[in-house]
Amino acid sequence: MDFSRGRSINSDAFAGLETWEDPTPRPSPFTFEDLRDAFVEASKRQMRLRPKSPSREDLMIRRQEHDRKSLVMALNVYAKQNNMQPSELELVEIMQRNLIDEYGKGYVHFNFTVKSLDGTVHLFFAEVHPDCREVEDVYHCTALNTIDSGHCIGCKDRASDLQHPNDGGYLGGHKDVGFPFMEYDDSDSAGEDEWPTMIGLSEGDK
């Protein structure tokens, strides 16, 4: 770092600085203003080099893309379990989504519509890991009936319309939560200075 910009410094001045051999304090060739200005300039340079943080809109787009990839993977698991080809099922629309955290374990519950080869559209439920990247991250995926109304503590407040299968099969949503954590919700119309939406977070040991 060059502290000498804009001024002339005698190189012999360094010979008078404190050393291990001679710890007697000596006057520094740099003033407080020199050090302050150098620090400010270094901080500005670091900020210019720092990658720009994505906007809230970009984060929402990334999340939506990740959700669709997760549900396509969930449909592939469902197809394999039911001796079907993945091409027989087409993801149409994500209807409901809710993130649940229970003692440090995360789950995302979805309702989404799926079109079969004959053109009929069915409502599905899926539960996946929040960072779903492989089939092991798909915990449950099934078609729903109109009578399905399985109980889920994790969705009853934030996503009360999210439909769950009566026969269970999903891992998350069975434990009461004690205090909230936050996640941005793309349905919110608030500006970037607003607080993100609150979601349930459980207490207890992880």
C-alpha atoms as a PDB file:
ATOM      1  CA  MET A   1       0.000   0.000   0.000  1.00  0.00           C
ATOM      2  CA  ASP A   2       1.466   3.351  -1.001  1.00  0.00           C
ATOM      3  CA  PHE A   3       1.105   5.887   1.813  1.00  0.00           C
ATOM      4  CA  SER A   4       3.404   8.339   0.106  1.00  0.00           C
ATOM      5  CA  ARG A   5       1.055   9.442  -2.669  1.00  0.00           C
ATOM      6  CA  GLY A   6       1.055  13.211  -2.980  1.00  0.00           C
ATOM      7  CA  ARG A   7       4.030  13.780  -0.691  1.00  0.00           C
ATOM      8  CA  SER A   8       7.748  13.140  -0.635  1.00  0.00           C
ATOM      9  CA  ILE A   9       9.098  10.802   2.027  1.00  0.00           C
ATOM     10  CA  ASN A  10      12.763  10.425   2.802  1.00  0.00           C
ATOM     11  CA  SER A  11      13.649   6.743   2.686  1.00  0.00           C
ATOM     12  CA  ASP A  12      16.106   7.338   5.525  1.00  0.00           C
ATOM     13  CA  ALA A  13      13.151   8.128   7.755  1.00  0.00           C
ATOM     14  CA  PHE A  14      12.393   4.420   8.058  1.00  0.00           C
ATOM     15  CA  ALA A  15      15.754   3.906   9.729  1.00  0.00           C
ATOM     16  CA  GLY A  16      14.502   5.753  12.794  1.00  0.00           C
ATOM     17  CA  LEU A  17      11.401   3.620  13.372  1.00  0.00           C
ATOM     18  CA  GLU A  18      11.050   1.319  16.373  1.00  0.00           C
ATOM     19  CA  THR A  19      12.631  -2.143  15.877  1.00  0.00           C
ATOM     20  CA  TRP A  20      13.049  -5.270  17.967  1.00  0.00           C
ATOM     21  CA  GLU A  21      16.698  -4.358  18.481  1.00  0.00           C
ATOM     22  CA  ASP A  22      15.865  -0.807  19.490  1.00  0.00           C
ATOM     23  CA  PRO A  23      12.287  -0.533  20.820  1.00  0.00           C
ATOM     24  CA  THR A  24      12.593   3.158  21.593  1.00  0.00           C
ATOM     25  CA  PRO A  25       9.575   4.894  19.956  1.00  0.00           C
ATOM     26  CA  ARG A  26      10.450   7.078  16.986  1.00  0.00           C
ATOM     27  CA  PRO A  27       8.303   9.526  15.044  1.00  0.00           C
ATOM     28  CA  SER A  28       6.505   7.885  12.097  1.00  0.00           C
ATOM     29  CA  PRO A  29       6.873   9.409   8.628  1.00  0.00           C
ATOM     30  CA  PHE A  30       3.101   8.946   8.213  1.00  0.00           C
ATOM     31  CA  THR A  31       0.509  11.198   9.783  1.00  0.00           C
ATOM     32  CA  PHE A  32      -2.868  10.089  11.042  1.00  0.00           C
ATOM     33  CA  GLU A  33      -4.419  11.697   7.973  1.00  0.00           C
ATOM     34  CA  ASP A  34      -2.127   9.631   5.717  1.00  0.00           C
ATOM     35  CA  LEU A  35      -3.272   6.389   7.330  1.00  0.00           C
ATOM     36  CA  ARG A  36      -6.911   7.422   7.305  1.00  0.00           C
ATOM     37  CA  ASP A  37      -6.851   8.374   3.619  1.00  0.00           C
ATOM     38  CA  ALA A  38      -5.053   5.152   2.707  1.00  0.00           C
ATOM     39  CA  PHE A  39      -7.641   3.103   4.605  1.00  0.00           C
ATOM     40  CA  VAL A  40     -10.538   4.897   2.902  1.00  0.00           C
ATOM     41  CA  GLU A  41      -8.979   4.395  -0.528  1.00  0.00           C
ATOM     42  CA  ALA A  42      -8.344   0.692   0.144  1.00  0.00           C
ATOM     43  CA  SER A  43     -11.937   0.244   1.334  1.00  0.00           C
ATOM     44  CA  LYS A  44     -13.295   1.909  -1.809  1.00  0.00           C
ATOM     45  CA  ARG A  45     -11.095  -0.299  -3.981  1.00  0.00           C
ATOM     46  CA  GLN A  46     -12.322  -3.396  -2.163  1.00  0.00           C
ATOM     47  CA  MET A  47     -15.962  -2.362  -2.660  1.00  0.00           C
ATOM     48  CA  ARG A  48     -15.371  -1.857  -6.383  1.00  0.00           C
ATOM     49  CA  LEU A  49     -13.915  -5.351  -6.662  1.00  0.00           C
ATOM     50  CA  ARG A  50     -16.721  -6.936  -4.646  1.00  0.00           C
ATOM     51  CA  PRO A  51     -19.335  -8.751  -6.788  1.00  0.00           C
ATOM     52  CA  LYS A  52     -22.647  -6.944  -6.941  1.00  0.00           C
ATOM     53  CA  SER A  53     -25.341  -8.549  -4.799  1.00  0.00           C
ATOM     54  CA  PRO A  54     -28.349  -9.815  -6.767  1.00  0.00           C
ATOM     55  CA  SER A  55     -31.555  -7.825  -6.484  1.00  0.00           C
ATOM     56  CA  ARG A  56     -34.607  -9.167  -4.696  1.00  0.00           C
ATOM     57  CA  GLU A  57     -36.264  -9.762  -8.072  1.00  0.00           C
ATOM     58  CA  ASP A  58     -33.269 -11.801  -9.241  1.00  0.00           C
ATOM     59  CA  LEU A  59     -33.390 -13.866  -6.061  1.00  0.00           C
ATOM     60  CA  MET A  60     -37.090 -14.561  -6.634  1.00  0.00           C
ATOM     61  CA  ILE A  61     -36.444 -15.679 -10.216  1.00  0.00           C
ATOM     62  CA  ARG A  62     -33.671 -17.999  -9.048  1.00  0.00           C
ATOM     63  CA  ARG A  63     -35.916 -19.475  -6.373  1.00  0.00           C
ATOM     64  CA  GLN A  64     -38.736 -20.070  -8.857  1.00  0.00           C
ATOM     65  CA  GLU A  65     -36.352 -21.774 -11.277  1.00  0.00           C
ATOM     66  CA  HIS A  66     -34.992 -23.930  -8.461  1.00  0.00           C
ATOM     67  CA  ASP A  67     -38.531 -24.842  -7.367  1.00  0.00           C
ATOM     68  CA  ARG A  68     -39.463 -25.981 -10.856  1.00  0.00           C
ATOM     69  CA  LYS A  69     -36.316 -28.095 -11.157  1.00  0.00           C
ATOM     70  CA  SER A  70     -37.068 -29.628  -7.745  1.00  0.00           C
ATOM     71  CA  LEU A  71     -40.630 -30.508  -8.765  1.00  0.00           C
ATOM     72  CA  VAL A  72     -39.542 -31.995 -12.087  1.00  0.00           C
ATOM     73  CA  MET A  73     -37.198 -34.200 -10.083  1.00  0.00           C
ATOM     74  CA  ALA A  74     -40.058 -35.068  -7.716  1.00  0.00           C
ATOM     75  CA  LEU A  75     -42.256 -36.020 -10.695  1.00  0.00           C
ATOM     76  CA  ASN A  76     -39.492 -38.267 -12.020  1.00  0.00           C
ATOM     77  CA  VAL A  77     -39.422 -40.037  -8.651  1.00  0.00           C
ATOM     78  CA  TYR A  78     -43.221 -40.388  -8.731  1.00  0.00           C
ATOM     79  CA  ALA A  79     -43.116 -41.736 -12.281  1.00  0.00           C
ATOM     80  CA  LYS A  80     -40.518 -44.357 -11.371  1.00  0.00           C
ATOM     81  CA  GLN A  81     -42.522 -45.448  -8.320  1.00  0.00           C
ATOM     82  CA  ASN A  82     -45.628 -45.862 -10.485  1.00  0.00           C
ATOM     83  CA  ASN A  83     -43.977 -47.566 -13.491  1.00  0.00           C
ATOM     84  CA  MET A  84     -44.454 -44.525 -15.701  1.00  0.00           C
ATOM     85  CA  GLN A  85     -42.196 -42.618 -18.042  1.00  0.00           C
ATOM     86  CA  PRO A  86     -41.252 -39.094 -16.954  1.00  0.00           C
ATOM     87  CA  SER A  87     -42.473 -37.847 -20.326  1.00  0.00           C
ATOM     88  CA  GLU A  88     -46.022 -38.886 -19.352  1.00  0.00           C
ATOM     89  CA  LEU A  89     -46.163 -36.121 -16.745  1.00  0.00           C
ATOM     90  CA  GLU A  90     -45.815 -32.392 -17.385  1.00  0.00           C
ATOM     91  CA  LEU A  91     -45.434 -29.799 -14.646  1.00  0.00           C
ATOM     92  CA  VAL A  92     -47.973 -27.056 -15.317  1.00  0.00           C
ATOM     93  CA  GLU A  93     -48.059 -24.599 -12.434  1.00  0.00           C
ATOM     94  CA  ILE A  94     -46.904 -24.226  -8.836  1.00  0.00           C
ATOM     95  CA  MET A  95     -50.000 -23.385  -6.808  1.00  0.00           C
ATOM     96  CA  GLN A  96     -48.745 -23.277  -3.205  1.00  0.00           C
ATOM     97  CA  ARG A  97     -45.344 -23.303  -1.530  1.00  0.00           C
ATOM     98  CA  ASN A  98     -44.302 -23.297   2.119  1.00  0.00           C
ATOM     99  CA  LEU A  99     -40.934 -23.614   3.805  1.00  0.00           C
ATOM    100  CA  ILE A 100     -40.809 -25.405   7.160  1.00  0.00           C
ATOM    101  CA  ASP A 101     -37.942 -25.687   9.621  1.00  0.00           C
ATOM    102  CA  GLU A 102     -38.100 -28.246  12.420  1.00  0.00           C
ATOM    103  CA  TYR A 103     -35.150 -28.440  14.785  1.00  0.00           C
ATOM    104  CA  GLY A 104     -32.738 -27.447  12.029  1.00  0.00           C
ATOM    105  CA  LYS A 105     -34.241 -29.764   9.409  1.00  0.00           C
ATOM    106  CA  GLY A 106     -35.805 -28.024   6.428  1.00  0.00           C
ATOM    107  CA  TYR A 107     -38.748 -29.100   4.283  1.00  0.00           C
ATOM    108  CA  VAL A 108     -40.603 -27.398   1.448  1.00  0.00           C
ATOM    109  CA  HIS A 109     -44.226 -28.363   0.810  1.00  0.00           C
ATOM    110  CA  PHE A 110     -45.766 -27.787  -2.598  1.00  0.00           C
ATOM    111  CA  ASN A 111     -49.096 -28.021  -4.328  1.00  0.00           C
ATOM    112  CA  PHE A 112     -48.715 -28.014  -8.094  1.00  0.00           C
ATOM    113  CA  THR A 113     -50.674 -29.080 -11.143  1.00  0.00           C
ATOM    114  CA  VAL A 114     -49.559 -31.817 -13.529  1.00  0.00           C
ATOM    115  CA  LYS A 115     -50.872 -32.640 -16.991  1.00  0.00           C
ATOM    116  CA  SER A 116     -50.948 -36.246 -18.179  1.00  0.00           C
ATOM    117  CA  LEU A 117     -50.743 -37.490 -21.770  1.00  0.00           C
ATOM    118  CA  ASP A 118     -54.521 -37.440 -22.200  1.00  0.00           C
ATOM    119  CA  GLY A 119     -54.585 -33.736 -21.307  1.00  0.00           C
ATOM    120  CA  THR A 120     -56.187 -34.077 -17.887  1.00  0.00           C
ATOM    121  CA  VAL A 121     -54.741 -31.924 -15.129  1.00  0.00           C
ATOM    122  CA  HIS A 122     -54.241 -33.249 -11.600  1.00  0.00           C
ATOM    123  CA  LEU A 123     -53.254 -31.585  -8.337  1.00  0.00           C
ATOM    124  CA  PHE A 124     -50.092 -32.968  -6.733  1.00  0.00           C
ATOM    125  CA  PHE A 125     -48.328 -32.654  -3.399  1.00  0.00           C
ATOM    126  CA  ALA A 126     -44.564 -32.805  -2.969  1.00  0.00           C
ATOM    127  CA  GLU A 127     -42.151 -32.454  -0.079  1.00  0.00           C
ATOM    128  CA  VAL A 128     -38.490 -31.775  -0.868  1.00  0.00           C
ATOM    129  CA  HIS A 129     -35.354 -30.547   0.821  1.00  0.00           C
ATOM    130  CA  PRO A 130     -34.965 -26.741   0.540  1.00  0.00           C
ATOM    131  CA  ASP A 131     -31.738 -27.266  -1.412  1.00  0.00           C
ATOM    132  CA  CYS A 132     -33.071 -30.111  -3.527  1.00  0.00           C
ATOM    133  CA  ARG A 133     -30.404 -31.262  -5.983  1.00  0.00           C
ATOM    134  CA  GLU A 134     -30.791 -35.039  -6.277  1.00  0.00           C
ATOM    135  CA  VAL A 135     -33.475 -37.697  -5.930  1.00  0.00           C
ATOM    136  CA  GLU A 136     -32.525 -38.315  -2.294  1.00  0.00           C
ATOM    137  CA  ASP A 137     -33.741 -34.783  -1.579  1.00  0.00           C
ATOM    138  CA  VAL A 138     -37.271 -35.709  -2.676  1.00  0.00           C
ATOM    139  CA  TYR A 139     -39.087 -36.918   0.428  1.00  0.00           C
ATOM    140  CA  HIS A 140     -42.581 -37.423  -0.964  1.00  0.00           C
ATOM    141  CA  CYS A 141     -44.558 -36.835  -4.148  1.00  0.00           C
ATOM    142  CA  THR A 142     -48.109 -37.955  -4.823  1.00  0.00           C
ATOM    143  CA  ALA A 143     -51.293 -37.090  -6.658  1.00  0.00           C
ATOM    144  CA  LEU A 144     -54.096 -35.661  -4.536  1.00  0.00           C
ATOM    145  CA  ASN A 145     -57.812 -36.339  -4.370  1.00  0.00           C
ATOM    146  CA  THR A 146     -60.434 -33.705  -3.648  1.00  0.00           C
ATOM    147  CA  ILE A 147     -61.024 -35.266  -0.217  1.00  0.00           C
ATOM    148  CA  ASP A 148     -57.371 -35.046   0.820  1.00  0.00           C
ATOM    149  CA  SER A 149     -56.857 -32.720   3.781  1.00  0.00           C
ATOM    150  CA  GLY A 150     -53.927 -34.110   5.743  1.00  0.00           C
ATOM    151  CA  HIS A 151     -52.883 -32.270   8.880  1.00  0.00           C
ATOM    152  CA  CYS A 152     -49.719 -30.162   8.805  1.00  0.00           C
ATOM    153  CA  ILE A 153     -48.765 -27.890  11.687  1.00  0.00           C
ATOM    154  CA  GLY A 154     -46.053 -26.281   9.592  1.00  0.00           C
ATOM    155  CA  CYS A 155     -48.537 -25.071   6.963  1.00  0.00           C
ATOM    156  CA  LYS A 156     -51.670 -24.356   9.008  1.00  0.00           C
ATOM    157  CA  ASP A 157     -50.870 -20.671   9.589  1.00  0.00           C
ATOM    158  CA  ARG A 158     -48.806 -19.527   6.629  1.00  0.00           C
ATOM    159  CA  ALA A 159     -50.215 -21.806   3.921  1.00  0.00           C
ATOM    160  CA  SER A 160     -53.594 -22.977   5.190  1.00  0.00           C
ATOM    161  CA  ASP A 161     -54.811 -23.676   1.639  1.00  0.00           C
ATOM    162  CA  LEU A 162     -51.920 -26.007   0.889  1.00  0.00           C
ATOM    163  CA  GLN A 163     -53.455 -29.464   0.526  1.00  0.00           C
ATOM    164  CA  HIS A 164     -51.751 -32.539   2.029  1.00  0.00           C
ATOM    165  CA  PRO A 165     -52.468 -36.242   1.430  1.00  0.00           C
ATOM    166  CA  ASN A 166     -54.662 -37.956   4.016  1.00  0.00           C
ATOM    167  CA  ASP A 167     -52.366 -40.972   4.199  1.00  0.00           C
ATOM    168  CA  GLY A 168     -49.378 -38.866   5.232  1.00  0.00           C
ATOM    169  CA  GLY A 169     -45.989 -39.836   3.921  1.00  0.00           C
ATOM    170  CA  TYR A 170     -44.464 -36.389   4.397  1.00  0.00           C
ATOM    171  CA  LEU A 171     -41.801 -35.876   7.044  1.00  0.00           C
ATOM    172  CA  GLY A 172     -42.171 -32.218   7.975  1.00  0.00           C
ATOM    173  CA  GLY A 173     -45.030 -30.337   9.550  1.00  0.00           C
ATOM    174  CA  HIS A 174     -45.712 -32.594  12.518  1.00  0.00           C
ATOM    175  CA  LYS A 175     -44.000 -30.495  15.204  1.00  0.00           C
ATOM    176  CA  ASP A 176     -45.186 -27.259  16.722  1.00  0.00           C
ATOM    177  CA  VAL A 177     -42.815 -24.323  16.307  1.00  0.00           C
ATOM    178  CA  GLY A 178     -41.795 -21.740  18.848  1.00  0.00           C
ATOM    179  CA  PHE A 179     -40.539 -18.661  17.042  1.00  0.00           C
ATOM    180  CA  PRO A 180     -40.270 -17.367  13.485  1.00  0.00           C
ATOM    181  CA  PHE A 181     -37.499 -17.023  10.952  1.00  0.00           C
ATOM    182  CA  MET A 182     -37.674 -15.056   7.726  1.00  0.00           C
ATOM    183  CA  GLU A 183     -37.815 -15.713   4.020  1.00  0.00           C
ATOM    184  CA  TYR A 184     -38.669 -13.393   1.164  1.00  0.00           C
ATOM    185  CA  ASP A 185     -42.061 -14.089  -0.338  1.00  0.00           C
ATOM    186  CA  ASP A 186     -42.568 -13.271  -4.012  1.00  0.00           C
ATOM    187  CA  SER A 187     -46.228 -12.537  -3.282  1.00  0.00           C
ATOM    188  CA  ASP A 188     -45.234  -9.597  -1.089  1.00  0.00           C
ATOM    189  CA  SER A 189     -45.664  -6.191  -2.675  1.00  0.00           C
ATOM    190  CA  ALA A 190     -43.485  -4.435  -0.119  1.00  0.00           C
ATOM    191  CA  GLY A 191     -40.416  -2.527  -1.184  1.00  0.00           C
ATOM    192  CA  GLU A 192     -36.869  -3.614  -0.523  1.00  0.00           C
ATOM    193  CA  ASP A 193     -36.797  -1.664   2.735  1.00  0.00           C
ATOM    194  CA  GLU A 194     -39.672  -3.717   4.150  1.00  0.00           C
ATOM    195  CA  TRP A 195     -39.153  -6.717   6.410  1.00  0.00           C
ATOM    196  CA  PRO A 196     -39.379 -10.103   4.701  1.00  0.00           C
ATOM    197  CA  THR A 197     -42.233 -12.460   5.426  1.00  0.00           C
ATOM    198  CA  MET A 198     -42.109 -14.423   8.675  1.00  0.00           C
ATOM    199  CA  ILE A 199     -42.103 -18.211   8.572  1.00  0.00           C
ATOM    200  CA  GLY A 200     -42.122 -20.729  11.401  1.00  0.00           C
ATOM    201  CA  LEU A 201     -38.897 -21.894  13.001  1.00  0.00           C
ATOM    202  CA  SER A 202     -38.883 -24.455  15.749  1.00  0.00           C
ATOM    203  CA  GLU A 203     -37.090 -24.423  19.065  1.00  0.00           C
ATOM    204  CA  GLY A 204     -34.977 -27.204  20.511  1.00  0.00           C
ATOM    205  CA  ASP A 205     -31.781 -29.008  19.748  1.00  0.00           C
ATOM    206  CA  LYS A 206     -30.719 -29.559  16.190  1.00  0.00           C
END
